[in-house]
Each structure stands twice: as structure tokens, then as C-alpha cells.
Amino acid sequence: MIIKFKRYKGSVVGTSLIGEIDVSYKQLVKVFGKPDKGDGYKTEAEWRLKFEDGTIATIYDYKSSKTYDPEYGLPVEEIRDWHIGGFPEDKSKILRNVYVAILGKKGIIKKIFQEEKFLW
């Protein structure tokens, strides 16, 4: 199963945290490309994505990088706790799309999903 998406440059105002994922920065770059810069305070890296079903997702670090906490924060390349944002009414679709895109790129998804009738 392949989930198609493109980088999204539109507004994400109104999106909020809907989930989290434990994955490496390197894997996110492999799947989604290099991130956009965050807000320079609470976030250092952000991916804005629009999936083929029209859902919009953001993946971002939140208060975990050296940008936010120079003493205890991590370099963005070492962060594993990523937030997933989106519009609340699309929560299940967004989480499915993000997880399938990442797992599919790792080759794991073929073993889990043999057909698209899998229900979340």
C-alpha cells in the first residue's frame, strides 16, 4: 500500500495535536524530504503534508530541541518524539496516512496490510 502526498505550503491555522510518533529524524527525511524550518522557538523542524485524500497533516518537534531549550534540548537530528497535527475531524485518516507512509517506506507495511480493507 502506497500513500501519496505532497508538501503543503498553505495555511495550517486551526490544526492541533492529534497524535505522536516515535521515529528518527533520518527516517522522516527519507520519507517526507527535508523539513521546513519551525517557528524558531518551540519548533525547529516541521513537515506540512497534503495527502491524496485531501487531509492535511503537520509533523513537528515541540519543545524538545536546542532551539527551545539550549541546555537540555536535543539536536533536531536526535529527536525521536514527533508530534502529528491536523484538523480534529480528520484525526483517524491523518494518523493512518502518516503511519502508513512511514511504515511503507520501511517495507513493514506490506507485511501488515495485504489489502486496503484494513480498518483503523
PDB file of N, CA and C in Angstrom:
ATOM      1  N   MET A   1       0.849  -1.170   0.000  1.00  0.00           N
ATOM      2  CA  MET A   1       0.000   0.000   0.000  1.00  0.00           C
ATOM      3  C   MET A   1       0.898   1.237   0.000  1.00  0.00           C
ATOM      4  N   ILE A   2       0.643   2.121  -0.921  1.00  0.00           N
ATOM      5  CA  ILE A   2       1.409   3.360  -1.012  1.00  0.00           C
ATOM      6  C   ILE A   2       0.475   4.523  -0.758  1.00  0.00           C
ATOM      7  N   ILE A   3       0.886   5.409   0.108  1.00  0.00           N
ATOM      8  CA  ILE A   3       0.122   6.620   0.402  1.00  0.00           C
ATOM      9  C   ILE A   3       0.790   7.767  -0.340  1.00  0.00           C
ATOM     10  N   LYS A   4       0.045   8.441  -1.189  1.00  0.00           N
ATOM     11  CA  LYS A   4       0.599   9.561  -1.942  1.00  0.00           C
ATOM     12  C   LYS A   4       0.351  10.857  -1.183  1.00  0.00           C
ATOM     13  N   PHE A   5       1.334  11.727  -1.247  1.00  0.00           N
ATOM     14  CA  PHE A   5       1.245  13.018  -0.576  1.00  0.00           C
ATOM     15  C   PHE A   5       2.129  14.006  -1.298  1.00  0.00           C
ATOM     16  N   LYS A   6       1.938  15.268  -0.981  1.00  0.00           N
ATOM     17  CA  LYS A   6       2.843  16.308  -1.468  1.00  0.00           C
ATOM     18  C   LYS A   6       3.055  17.305  -0.346  1.00  0.00           C
ATOM     19  N   ARG A   7       4.115  18.063  -0.451  1.00  0.00           N
ATOM     20  CA  ARG A   7       4.372  19.095   0.539  1.00  0.00           C
ATOM     21  C   ARG A   7       3.287  20.157   0.384  1.00  0.00           C
ATOM     22  N   TYR A   8       2.868  20.695   1.503  1.00  0.00           N
ATOM     23  CA  TYR A   8       1.762  21.653   1.530  1.00  0.00           C
ATOM     24  C   TYR A   8       2.294  23.006   1.973  1.00  0.00           C
ATOM     25  N   LYS A   9       2.012  24.025   1.201  1.00  0.00           N
ATOM     26  CA  LYS A   9       2.500  25.375   1.510  1.00  0.00           C
ATOM     27  C   LYS A   9       1.385  26.291   2.021  1.00  0.00           C
ATOM     28  N   GLY A  10       0.165  25.784   2.091  1.00  0.00           N
ATOM     29  CA  GLY A  10      -0.965  26.585   2.553  1.00  0.00           C
ATOM     30  C   GLY A  10      -0.975  26.753   4.059  1.00  0.00           C
ATOM     31  N   SER A  11      -1.989  27.432   4.536  1.00  0.00           N
ATOM     32  CA  SER A  11      -2.138  27.696   5.968  1.00  0.00           C
ATOM     33  C   SER A  11      -2.519  26.425   6.731  1.00  0.00           C
ATOM     34  N   VAL A  12      -1.946  26.293   7.909  1.00  0.00           N
ATOM     35  CA  VAL A  12      -2.309  25.194   8.800  1.00  0.00           C
ATOM     36  C   VAL A  12      -2.952  25.742  10.074  1.00  0.00           C
ATOM     37  N   VAL A  13      -3.434  26.972   9.997  1.00  0.00           N
ATOM     38  CA  VAL A  13      -4.124  27.581  11.134  1.00  0.00           C
ATOM     39  C   VAL A  13      -5.378  26.757  11.426  1.00  0.00           C
ATOM     40  N   GLY A  14      -5.564  26.423  12.684  1.00  0.00           N
ATOM     41  CA  GLY A  14      -6.708  25.618  13.088  1.00  0.00           C
ATOM     42  C   GLY A  14      -6.356  24.161  13.304  1.00  0.00           C
ATOM     43  N   THR A  15      -5.139  23.761  12.919  1.00  0.00           N
ATOM     44  CA  THR A  15      -4.717  22.386  13.197  1.00  0.00           C
ATOM     45  C   THR A  15      -4.225  22.309  14.633  1.00  0.00           C
ATOM     46  N   SER A  16      -4.233  21.123  15.175  1.00  0.00           N
ATOM     47  CA  SER A  16      -3.762  20.938  16.544  1.00  0.00           C
ATOM     48  C   SER A  16      -3.207  19.527  16.692  1.00  0.00           C
ATOM     49  N   LEU A  17      -2.596  19.280  17.823  1.00  0.00           N
ATOM     50  CA  LEU A  17      -2.012  17.970  18.110  1.00  0.00           C
ATOM     51  C   LEU A  17      -3.090  16.887  18.079  1.00  0.00           C
ATOM     52  N   ILE A  18      -2.832  15.835  17.300  1.00  0.00           N
ATOM     53  CA  ILE A  18      -3.767  14.707  17.256  1.00  0.00           C
ATOM     54  C   ILE A  18      -3.074  13.382  17.545  1.00  0.00           C
ATOM     55  N   GLY A  19      -1.740  13.407  17.608  1.00  0.00           N
ATOM     56  CA  GLY A  19      -1.018  12.173  17.892  1.00  0.00           C
ATOM     57  C   GLY A  19       0.474  12.419  17.968  1.00  0.00           C
ATOM     58  N   GLU A  20       1.204  11.375  18.280  1.00  0.00           N
ATOM     59  CA  GLU A  20       2.661  11.434  18.345  1.00  0.00           C
ATOM     60  C   GLU A  20       3.222  10.170  17.723  1.00  0.00           C
ATOM     61  N   ILE A  21       4.482  10.255  17.321  1.00  0.00           N
ATOM     62  CA  ILE A  21       5.138   9.085  16.747  1.00  0.00           C
ATOM     63  C   ILE A  21       6.597   9.065  17.180  1.00  0.00           C
ATOM     64  N   ASP A  22       7.079   7.883  17.470  1.00  0.00           N
ATOM     65  CA  ASP A  22       8.476   7.671  17.843  1.00  0.00           C
ATOM     66  C   ASP A  22       9.196   7.179  16.590  1.00  0.00           C
ATOM     67  N   VAL A  23       9.907   8.086  15.946  1.00  0.00           N
ATOM     68  CA  VAL A  23      10.623   7.758  14.713  1.00  0.00           C
ATOM     69  C   VAL A  23      11.815   8.695  14.601  1.00  0.00           C
ATOM     70  N   SER A  24      12.851   8.265  13.921  1.00  0.00           N
ATOM     71  CA  SER A  24      14.049   9.099  13.814  1.00  0.00           C
ATOM     72  C   SER A  24      13.855  10.227  12.808  1.00  0.00           C
ATOM     73  N   TYR A  25      14.600  11.279  13.027  1.00  0.00           N
ATOM     74  CA  TYR A  25      14.641  12.408  12.081  1.00  0.00           C
ATOM     75  C   TYR A  25      15.062  11.886  10.708  1.00  0.00           C
ATOM     76  N   LYS A  26      16.060  11.015  10.682  1.00  0.00           N
ATOM     77  CA  LYS A  26      16.570  10.470   9.433  1.00  0.00           C
ATOM     78  C   LYS A  26      15.468   9.753   8.652  1.00  0.00           C
ATOM     79  N   GLN A  27      14.637   8.988   9.353  1.00  0.00           N
ATOM     80  CA  GLN A  27      13.544   8.277   8.682  1.00  0.00           C
ATOM     81  C   GLN A  27      12.506   9.260   8.146  1.00  0.00           C
ATOM     82  N   LEU A  28      12.200  10.300   8.910  1.00  0.00           N
ATOM     83  CA  LEU A  28      11.250  11.302   8.427  1.00  0.00           C
ATOM     84  C   LEU A  28      11.767  11.993   7.168  1.00  0.00           C
ATOM     85  N   VAL A  29      13.048  12.307   7.154  1.00  0.00           N
ATOM     86  CA  VAL A  29      13.644  12.936   5.963  1.00  0.00           C
ATOM     87  C   VAL A  29      13.599  11.972   4.784  1.00  0.00           C
ATOM     88  N   LYS A  30      13.850  10.699   5.042  1.00  0.00           N
ATOM     89  CA  LYS A  30      13.808   9.697   3.980  1.00  0.00           C
ATOM     90  C   LYS A  30      12.410   9.604   3.357  1.00  0.00           C
ATOM     91  N   VAL A  31      11.393   9.689   4.191  1.00  0.00           N
ATOM     92  CA  VAL A  31      10.015   9.551   3.708  1.00  0.00           C
ATOM     93  C   VAL A  31       9.471  10.867   3.140  1.00  0.00           C
ATOM     94  N   PHE A  32       9.657  11.971   3.869  1.00  0.00           N
ATOM     95  CA  PHE A  32       8.988  13.226   3.517  1.00  0.00           C
ATOM     96  C   PHE A  32       9.911  14.308   2.960  1.00  0.00           C
ATOM     97  N   GLY A  33      11.213  14.064   2.921  1.00  0.00           N
ATOM     98  CA  GLY A  33      12.157  15.080   2.462  1.00  0.00           C
ATOM     99  C   GLY A  33      12.589  15.972   3.618  1.00  0.00           C
ATOM    100  N   LYS A  34      13.464  16.907   3.334  1.00  0.00           N
ATOM    101  CA  LYS A  34      13.952  17.812   4.386  1.00  0.00           C
ATOM    102  C   LYS A  34      12.799  18.657   4.908  1.00  0.00           C
ATOM    103  N   PRO A  35      12.788  18.924   6.213  1.00  0.00           N
ATOM    104  CA  PRO A  35      11.675  19.698   6.792  1.00  0.00           C
ATOM    105  C   PRO A  35      11.808  21.184   6.504  1.00  0.00           C
ATOM    106  N   ASP A  36      10.704  21.873   6.681  1.00  0.00           N
ATOM    107  CA  ASP A  36      10.725  23.334   6.687  1.00  0.00           C
ATOM    108  C   ASP A  36      11.209  23.757   8.065  1.00  0.00           C
ATOM    109  N   LYS A  37      11.660  24.973   8.171  1.00  0.00           N
ATOM    110  CA  LYS A  37      12.070  25.490   9.484  1.00  0.00           C
ATOM    111  C   LYS A  37      10.828  25.675  10.342  1.00  0.00           C
ATOM    112  N   GLY A  38      10.981  25.424  11.642  1.00  0.00           N
ATOM    113  CA  GLY A  38       9.886  25.635  12.582  1.00  0.00           C
ATOM    114  C   GLY A  38       9.748  27.109  12.896  1.00  0.00           C
ATOM    115  N   ASP A  39       9.116  27.410  14.006  1.00  0.00           N
ATOM    116  CA  ASP A  39       8.869  28.806  14.373  1.00  0.00           C
ATOM    117  C   ASP A  39      10.079  29.468  15.032  1.00  0.00           C
ATOM    118  N   GLY A  40      11.157  28.714  15.232  1.00  0.00           N
ATOM    119  CA  GLY A  40      12.362  29.274  15.827  1.00  0.00           C
ATOM    120  C   GLY A  40      12.295  29.418  17.333  1.00  0.00           C
ATOM    121  N   TYR A  41      11.234  28.898  17.923  1.00  0.00           N
ATOM    122  CA  TYR A  41      11.096  28.963  19.375  1.00  0.00           C
ATOM    123  C   TYR A  41      10.711  27.588  19.915  1.00  0.00           C
ATOM    124  N   LYS A  42       9.465  27.190  19.709  1.00  0.00           N
ATOM    125  CA  LYS A  42       9.004  25.904  20.232  1.00  0.00           C
ATOM    126  C   LYS A  42       9.242  24.752  19.258  1.00  0.00           C
ATOM    127  N   THR A  43       9.419  25.062  18.000  1.00  0.00           N
ATOM    128  CA  THR A  43       9.677  24.027  16.996  1.00  0.00           C
ATOM    129  C   THR A  43      10.871  24.416  16.139  1.00  0.00           C
ATOM    130  N   GLU A  44      11.631  23.405  15.759  1.00  0.00           N
ATOM    131  CA  GLU A  44      12.788  23.645  14.894  1.00  0.00           C
ATOM    132  C   GLU A  44      12.572  23.080  13.493  1.00  0.00           C
ATOM    133  N   ALA A  45      11.802  22.010  13.407  1.00  0.00           N
ATOM    134  CA  ALA A  45      11.563  21.351  12.119  1.00  0.00           C
ATOM    135  C   ALA A  45      10.076  21.046  11.979  1.00  0.00           C
ATOM    136  N   GLU A  46       9.575  21.188  10.748  1.00  0.00           N
ATOM    137  CA  GLU A  46       8.155  20.911  10.509  1.00  0.00           C
ATOM    138  C   GLU A  46       7.955  20.444   9.076  1.00  0.00           C
ATOM    139  N   TRP A  47       7.153  19.408   8.943  1.00  0.00           N
ATOM    140  CA  TRP A  47       6.704  18.959   7.628  1.00  0.00           C
ATOM    141  C   TRP A  47       5.221  19.292   7.540  1.00  0.00           C
ATOM    142  N   ARG A  48       4.823  19.933   6.461  1.00  0.00           N
ATOM    143  CA  ARG A  48       3.400  20.192   6.167  1.00  0.00           C
ATOM    144  C   ARG A  48       3.065  19.332   4.952  1.00  0.00           C
ATOM    145  N   LEU A  49       2.069  18.477   5.104  1.00  0.00           N
ATOM    146  CA  LEU A  49       1.761  17.497   4.073  1.00  0.00           C
ATOM    147  C   LEU A  49       0.290  17.530   3.693  1.00  0.00           C
ATOM    148  N   LYS A  50       0.037  17.279   2.420  1.00  0.00           N
ATOM    149  CA  LYS A  50      -1.340  17.100   1.961  1.00  0.00           C
ATOM    150  C   LYS A  50      -1.394  15.732   1.286  1.00  0.00           C
ATOM    151  N   PHE A  51      -2.248  14.868   1.819  1.00  0.00           N
ATOM    152  CA  PHE A  51      -2.372  13.511   1.299  1.00  0.00           C
ATOM    153  C   PHE A  51      -3.400  13.465   0.179  1.00  0.00           C
ATOM    154  N   GLU A  52      -3.349  12.392  -0.598  1.00  0.00           N
ATOM    155  CA  GLU A  52      -4.219  12.273  -1.764  1.00  0.00           C
ATOM    156  C   GLU A  52      -5.707  12.310  -1.415  1.00  0.00           C
ATOM    157  N   ASP A  53      -6.061  11.982  -0.181  1.00  0.00           N
ATOM    158  CA  ASP A  53      -7.472  12.049   0.220  1.00  0.00           C
ATOM    159  C   ASP A  53      -7.883  13.454   0.665  1.00  0.00           C
ATOM    160  N   GLY A  54      -6.948  14.412   0.565  1.00  0.00           N
ATOM    161  CA  GLY A  54      -7.243  15.805   0.899  1.00  0.00           C
ATOM    162  C   GLY A  54      -6.927  16.206   2.328  1.00  0.00           C
ATOM    163  N   THR A  55      -6.557  15.245   3.168  1.00  0.00           N
ATOM    164  CA  THR A  55      -6.238  15.584   4.554  1.00  0.00           C
ATOM    165  C   THR A  55      -4.891  16.292   4.636  1.00  0.00           C
ATOM    166  N   ILE A  56      -4.792  17.175   5.607  1.00  0.00           N
ATOM    167  CA  ILE A  56      -3.581  17.953   5.819  1.00  0.00           C
ATOM    168  C   ILE A  56      -2.998  17.556   7.167  1.00  0.00           C
ATOM    169  N   ALA A  57      -1.692  17.315   7.177  1.00  0.00           N
ATOM    170  CA  ALA A  57      -1.008  16.923   8.409  1.00  0.00           C
ATOM    171  C   ALA A  57       0.250  17.753   8.587  1.00  0.00           C
ATOM    172  N   THR A  58       0.620  17.934   9.844  1.00  0.00           N
ATOM    173  CA  THR A  58       1.912  18.519  10.165  1.00  0.00           C
ATOM    174  C   THR A  58       2.644  17.532  11.061  1.00  0.00           C
ATOM    175  N   ILE A  59       3.938  17.454  10.884  1.00  0.00           N
ATOM    176  CA  ILE A  59       4.791  16.650  11.763  1.00  0.00           C
ATOM    177  C   ILE A  59       5.864  17.601  12.254  1.00  0.00           C
ATOM    178  N   TYR A  60       6.048  17.673  13.569  1.00  0.00           N
ATOM    179  CA  TYR A  60       6.953  18.686  14.113  1.00  0.00           C
ATOM    180  C   TYR A  60       7.473  18.276  15.487  1.00  0.00           C
ATOM    181  N   ASP A  61       8.643  18.818  15.819  1.00  0.00           N
ATOM    182  CA  ASP A  61       9.155  18.666  17.179  1.00  0.00           C
ATOM    183  C   ASP A  61       8.480  19.749  18.012  1.00  0.00           C
ATOM    184  N   TYR A  62       8.298  19.509  19.269  1.00  0.00           N
ATOM    185  CA  TYR A  62       7.657  20.514  20.124  1.00  0.00           C
ATOM    186  C   TYR A  62       8.389  20.594  21.452  1.00  0.00           C
ATOM    187  N   LYS A  63       9.034  21.706  21.655  1.00  0.00           N
ATOM    188  CA  LYS A  63       9.749  21.978  22.906  1.00  0.00           C
ATOM    189  C   LYS A  63      10.772  20.896  23.247  1.00  0.00           C
ATOM    190  N   SER A  64      11.383  20.285  22.252  1.00  0.00           N
ATOM    191  CA  SER A  64      12.356  19.237  22.550  1.00  0.00           C
ATOM    192  C   SER A  64      13.733  19.507  21.942  1.00  0.00           C
ATOM    193  N   SER A  65      13.870  20.580  21.181  1.00  0.00           N
ATOM    194  CA  SER A  65      15.143  20.853  20.520  1.00  0.00           C
ATOM    195  C   SER A  65      15.964  21.894  21.276  1.00  0.00           C
ATOM    196  N   LYS A  66      17.186  22.059  20.851  1.00  0.00           N
ATOM    197  CA  LYS A  66      18.067  23.071  21.427  1.00  0.00           C
ATOM    198  C   LYS A  66      17.548  24.482  21.142  1.00  0.00           C
ATOM    199  N   THR A  67      16.755  24.635  20.119  1.00  0.00           N
ATOM    200  CA  THR A  67      16.167  25.942  19.835  1.00  0.00           C
ATOM    201  C   THR A  67      15.311  26.396  21.013  1.00  0.00           C
ATOM    202  N   TYR A  68      14.542  25.487  21.572  1.00  0.00           N
ATOM    203  CA  TYR A  68      13.667  25.822  22.699  1.00  0.00           C
ATOM    204  C   TYR A  68      14.427  25.799  24.025  1.00  0.00           C
ATOM    205  N   ASP A  69      15.265  24.793  24.211  1.00  0.00           N
ATOM    206  CA  ASP A  69      15.985  24.632  25.476  1.00  0.00           C
ATOM    207  C   ASP A  69      17.461  24.358  25.180  1.00  0.00           C
ATOM    208  N   PRO A  70      18.266  25.433  25.073  1.00  0.00           N
ATOM    209  CA  PRO A  70      19.675  25.261  24.709  1.00  0.00           C
ATOM    210  C   PRO A  70      20.456  24.346  25.646  1.00  0.00           C
ATOM    211  N   GLU A  71      20.070  24.274  26.901  1.00  0.00           N
ATOM    212  CA  GLU A  71      20.821  23.461  27.860  1.00  0.00           C
ATOM    213  C   GLU A  71      20.467  21.976  27.785  1.00  0.00           C
ATOM    214  N   TYR A  72      19.181  21.655  27.740  1.00  0.00           N
ATOM    215  CA  TYR A  72      18.752  20.255  27.800  1.00  0.00           C
ATOM    216  C   TYR A  72      18.118  19.735  26.512  1.00  0.00           C
ATOM    217  N   GLY A  73      17.851  20.611  25.578  1.00  0.00           N
ATOM    218  CA  GLY A  73      17.232  20.185  24.327  1.00  0.00           C
ATOM    219  C   GLY A  73      18.170  19.338  23.485  1.00  0.00           C
ATOM    220  N   LEU A  74      17.606  18.629  22.545  1.00  0.00           N
ATOM    221  CA  LEU A  74      18.374  17.759  21.664  1.00  0.00           C
ATOM    222  C   LEU A  74      18.638  18.434  20.324  1.00  0.00           C
ATOM    223  N   PRO A  75      19.734  18.067  19.667  1.00  0.00           N
ATOM    224  CA  PRO A  75      19.878  18.475  18.264  1.00  0.00           C
ATOM    225  C   PRO A  75      18.714  17.855  17.487  1.00  0.00           C
ATOM    226  N   VAL A  76      18.171  18.577  16.539  1.00  0.00           N
ATOM    227  CA  VAL A  76      16.975  18.098  15.848  1.00  0.00           C
ATOM    228  C   VAL A  76      17.196  16.713  15.231  1.00  0.00           C
ATOM    229  N   GLU A  77      18.415  16.412  14.823  1.00  0.00           N
ATOM    230  CA  GLU A  77      18.705  15.109  14.215  1.00  0.00           C
ATOM    231  C   GLU A  77      18.614  13.958  15.210  1.00  0.00           C
ATOM    232  N   GLU A  78      18.576  14.263  16.505  1.00  0.00           N
ATOM    233  CA  GLU A  78      18.490  13.213  17.533  1.00  0.00           C
ATOM    234  C   GLU A  78      17.084  13.065  18.122  1.00  0.00           C
ATOM    235  N   ILE A  79      16.170  13.905  17.727  1.00  0.00           N
ATOM    236  CA  ILE A  79      14.802  13.848  18.262  1.00  0.00           C
ATOM    237  C   ILE A  79      14.085  12.620  17.709  1.00  0.00           C
ATOM    238  N   ARG A  80      13.348  11.936  18.576  1.00  0.00           N
ATOM    239  CA  ARG A  80      12.535  10.778  18.168  1.00  0.00           C
ATOM    240  C   ARG A  80      11.055  10.966  18.489  1.00  0.00           C
ATOM    241  N   ASP A  81      10.737  11.920  19.338  1.00  0.00           N
ATOM    242  CA  ASP A  81       9.348  12.160  19.735  1.00  0.00           C
ATOM    243  C   ASP A  81       8.771  13.287  18.880  1.00  0.00           C
ATOM    244  N   TRP A  82       7.994  12.929  17.878  1.00  0.00           N
ATOM    245  CA  TRP A  82       7.444  13.901  16.936  1.00  0.00           C
ATOM    246  C   TRP A  82       5.940  14.020  17.117  1.00  0.00           C
ATOM    247  N   HIS A  83       5.455  15.230  17.032  1.00  0.00           N
ATOM    248  CA  HIS A  83       4.029  15.493  17.135  1.00  0.00           C
ATOM    249  C   HIS A  83       3.408  15.445  15.740  1.00  0.00           C
ATOM    250  N   ILE A  84       2.185  14.962  15.692  1.00  0.00           N
ATOM    251  CA  ILE A  84       1.415  14.939  14.452  1.00  0.00           C
ATOM    252  C   ILE A  84       0.229  15.858  14.663  1.00  0.00           C
ATOM    253  N   GLY A  85       0.085  16.817  13.775  1.00  0.00           N
ATOM    254  CA  GLY A  85      -1.016  17.772  13.882  1.00  0.00           C
ATOM    255  C   GLY A  85      -1.947  17.666  12.685  1.00  0.00           C
ATOM    256  N   GLY A  86      -3.142  18.165  12.881  1.00  0.00           N
ATOM    257  CA  GLY A  86      -4.118  18.173  11.797  1.00  0.00           C
ATOM    258  C   GLY A  86      -5.438  18.714  12.301  1.00  0.00           C
ATOM    259  N   PHE A  87      -6.413  18.680  11.435  1.00  0.00           N
ATOM    260  CA  PHE A  87      -7.749  19.113  11.826  1.00  0.00           C
ATOM    261  C   PHE A  87      -8.424  17.958  12.559  1.00  0.00           C
ATOM    262  N   PRO A  88      -8.990  18.234  13.725  1.00  0.00           N
ATOM    263  CA  PRO A  88      -9.546  17.157  14.567  1.00  0.00           C
ATOM    264  C   PRO A  88     -10.532  16.237  13.855  1.00  0.00           C
ATOM    265  N   GLU A  89     -11.332  16.770  12.951  1.00  0.00           N
ATOM    266  CA  GLU A  89     -12.331  15.930  12.278  1.00  0.00           C
ATOM    267  C   GLU A  89     -11.696  14.899  11.341  1.00  0.00           C
ATOM    268  N   ASP A  90     -10.410  15.089  10.999  1.00  0.00           N
ATOM    269  CA  ASP A  90      -9.702  14.166  10.111  1.00  0.00           C
ATOM    270  C   ASP A  90      -8.707  13.276  10.860  1.00  0.00           C
ATOM    271  N   LYS A  91      -8.790  13.248  12.172  1.00  0.00           N
ATOM    272  CA  LYS A  91      -7.782  12.594  13.007  1.00  0.00           C
ATOM    273  C   LYS A  91      -7.441  11.183  12.552  1.00  0.00           C
ATOM    274  N   SER A  92      -8.415  10.314  12.414  1.00  0.00           N
ATOM    275  CA  SER A  92      -8.110   8.918  12.096  1.00  0.00           C
ATOM    276  C   SER A  92      -7.478   8.787  10.712  1.00  0.00           C
ATOM    277  N   LYS A  93      -7.940   9.552   9.746  1.00  0.00           N
ATOM    278  CA  LYS A  93      -7.359   9.498   8.402  1.00  0.00           C
ATOM    279  C   LYS A  93      -5.919   9.995   8.408  1.00  0.00           C
ATOM    280  N   ILE A  94      -5.669  11.086   9.130  1.00  0.00           N
ATOM    281  CA  ILE A  94      -4.318  11.651   9.174  1.00  0.00           C
ATOM    282  C   ILE A  94      -3.353  10.674   9.821  1.00  0.00           C
ATOM    283  N   LEU A  95      -3.715  10.140  10.970  1.00  0.00           N
ATOM    284  CA  LEU A  95      -2.829   9.198  11.656  1.00  0.00           C
ATOM    285  C   LEU A  95      -2.556   7.984  10.774  1.00  0.00           C
ATOM    286  N   ARG A  96      -3.570   7.476  10.137  1.00  0.00           N
ATOM    287  CA  ARG A  96      -3.402   6.344   9.223  1.00  0.00           C
ATOM    288  C   ARG A  96      -2.434   6.713   8.106  1.00  0.00           C
ATOM    289  N   ASN A  97      -2.643   7.857   7.479  1.00  0.00           N
ATOM    290  CA  ASN A  97      -1.799   8.262   6.361  1.00  0.00           C
ATOM    291  C   ASN A  97      -0.334   8.414   6.770  1.00  0.00           C
ATOM    292  N   VAL A  98      -0.096   9.073   7.893  1.00  0.00           N
ATOM    293  CA  VAL A  98       1.277   9.289   8.356  1.00  0.00           C
ATOM    294  C   VAL A  98       1.944   7.954   8.687  1.00  0.00           C
ATOM    295  N   TYR A  99       1.268   7.115   9.458  1.00  0.00           N
ATOM    296  CA  TYR A  99       1.854   5.831   9.845  1.00  0.00           C
ATOM    297  C   TYR A  99       2.101   4.938   8.629  1.00  0.00           C
ATOM    298  N   VAL A 100       1.159   4.891   7.713  1.00  0.00           N
ATOM    299  CA  VAL A 100       1.317   4.047   6.528  1.00  0.00           C
ATOM    300  C   VAL A 100       2.441   4.575   5.641  1.00  0.00           C
ATOM    301  N   ALA A 101       2.547   5.886   5.494  1.00  0.00           N
ATOM    302  CA  ALA A 101       3.629   6.452   4.674  1.00  0.00           C
ATOM    303  C   ALA A 101       4.984   6.072   5.251  1.00  0.00           C
ATOM    304  N   ILE A 102       5.144   6.176   6.556  1.00  0.00           N
ATOM    305  CA  ILE A 102       6.420   5.866   7.200  1.00  0.00           C
ATOM    306  C   ILE A 102       6.693   4.366   7.182  1.00  0.00           C
ATOM    307  N   LEU A 103       5.721   3.579   7.575  1.00  0.00           N
ATOM    308  CA  LEU A 103       5.916   2.128   7.607  1.00  0.00           C
ATOM    309  C   LEU A 103       6.084   1.557   6.203  1.00  0.00           C
ATOM    310  N   GLY A 104       5.384   2.115   5.241  1.00  0.00           N
ATOM    311  CA  GLY A 104       5.504   1.657   3.859  1.00  0.00           C
ATOM    312  C   GLY A 104       6.896   1.887   3.315  1.00  0.00           C
ATOM    313  N   LYS A 105       7.476   3.018   3.646  1.00  0.00           N
ATOM    314  CA  LYS A 105       8.829   3.327   3.196  1.00  0.00           C
ATOM    315  C   LYS A 105       9.840   2.380   3.831  1.00  0.00           C
ATOM    316  N   LYS A 106       9.561   1.924   5.031  1.00  0.00           N
ATOM    317  CA  LYS A 106      10.463   0.993   5.710  1.00  0.00           C
ATOM    318  C   LYS A 106      10.235  -0.454   5.243  1.00  0.00           C
ATOM    319  N   GLY A 107       9.200  -0.696   4.428  1.00  0.00           N
ATOM    320  CA  GLY A 107       8.913  -2.031   3.948  1.00  0.00           C
ATOM    321  C   GLY A 107       8.104  -2.881   4.913  1.00  0.00           C
ATOM    322  N   ILE A 108       7.738  -2.307   6.049  1.00  0.00           N
ATOM    323  CA  ILE A 108       6.996  -3.045   7.067  1.00  0.00           C
ATOM    324  C   ILE A 108       5.531  -3.185   6.686  1.00  0.00           C
ATOM    325  N   ILE A 109       5.018  -2.190   6.014  1.00  0.00           N
ATOM    326  CA  ILE A 109       3.577  -2.124   5.762  1.00  0.00           C
ATOM    327  C   ILE A 109       3.082  -3.290   4.904  1.00  0.00           C
ATOM    328  N   LYS A 110       3.899  -3.787   4.006  1.00  0.00           N
ATOM    329  CA  LYS A 110       3.473  -4.897   3.149  1.00  0.00           C
ATOM    330  C   LYS A 110       3.112  -6.126   3.978  1.00  0.00           C
ATOM    331  N   LYS A 111       3.788  -6.318   5.075  1.00  0.00           N
ATOM    332  CA  LYS A 111       3.522  -7.466   5.929  1.00  0.00           C
ATOM    333  C   LYS A 111       2.250  -7.271   6.749  1.00  0.00           C
ATOM    334  N   ILE A 112       1.933  -6.029   7.075  1.00  0.00           N
ATOM    335  CA  ILE A 112       0.783  -5.747   7.929  1.00  0.00           C
ATOM    336  C   ILE A 112      -0.511  -5.649   7.122  1.00  0.00           C
ATOM    337  N   PHE A 113      -0.430  -4.957   5.996  1.00  0.00           N
ATOM    338  CA  PHE A 113      -1.625  -4.712   5.185  1.00  0.00           C
ATOM    339  C   PHE A 113      -1.530  -5.481   3.882  1.00  0.00           C
ATOM    340  N   GLN A 114      -2.360  -6.460   3.716  1.00  0.00           N
ATOM    341  CA  GLN A 114      -2.375  -7.210   2.470  1.00  0.00           C
ATOM    342  C   GLN A 114      -3.408  -6.635   1.494  1.00  0.00           C
ATOM    343  N   GLU A 115      -4.329  -5.860   2.013  1.00  0.00           N
ATOM    344  CA  GLU A 115      -5.320  -5.201   1.166  1.00  0.00           C
ATOM    345  C   GLU A 115      -5.780  -3.929   1.848  1.00  0.00           C
ATOM    346  N   GLU A 116      -6.434  -3.061   1.103  1.00  0.00           N
ATOM    347  CA  GLU A 116      -6.831  -1.772   1.643  1.00  0.00           C
ATOM    348  C   GLU A 116      -8.107  -1.829   2.485  1.00  0.00           C
ATOM    349  N   LYS A 117      -8.583  -2.994   2.822  1.00  0.00           N
ATOM    350  CA  LYS A 117      -9.803  -3.109   3.627  1.00  0.00           C
ATOM    351  C   LYS A 117      -9.515  -3.053   5.120  1.00  0.00           C
ATOM    352  N   PHE A 118      -8.256  -2.850   5.484  1.00  0.00           N
ATOM    353  CA  PHE A 118      -7.890  -2.749   6.892  1.00  0.00           C
ATOM    354  C   PHE A 118      -8.582  -1.529   7.489  1.00  0.00           C
ATOM    355  N   LEU A 119      -9.239  -1.684   8.595  1.00  0.00           N
ATOM    356  CA  LEU A 119      -9.955  -0.581   9.240  1.00  0.00           C
ATOM    357  C   LEU A 119      -9.201  -0.110  10.462  1.00  0.00           C
ATOM    358  N   TRP A 120      -9.114   1.159  10.652  1.00  0.00           N
ATOM    359  CA  TRP A 120      -8.450   1.744  11.807  1.00  0.00           C
ATOM    360  C   TRP A 120      -9.432   1.923  12.910  1.00  0.00           C
TER     361      TRP A 120
END
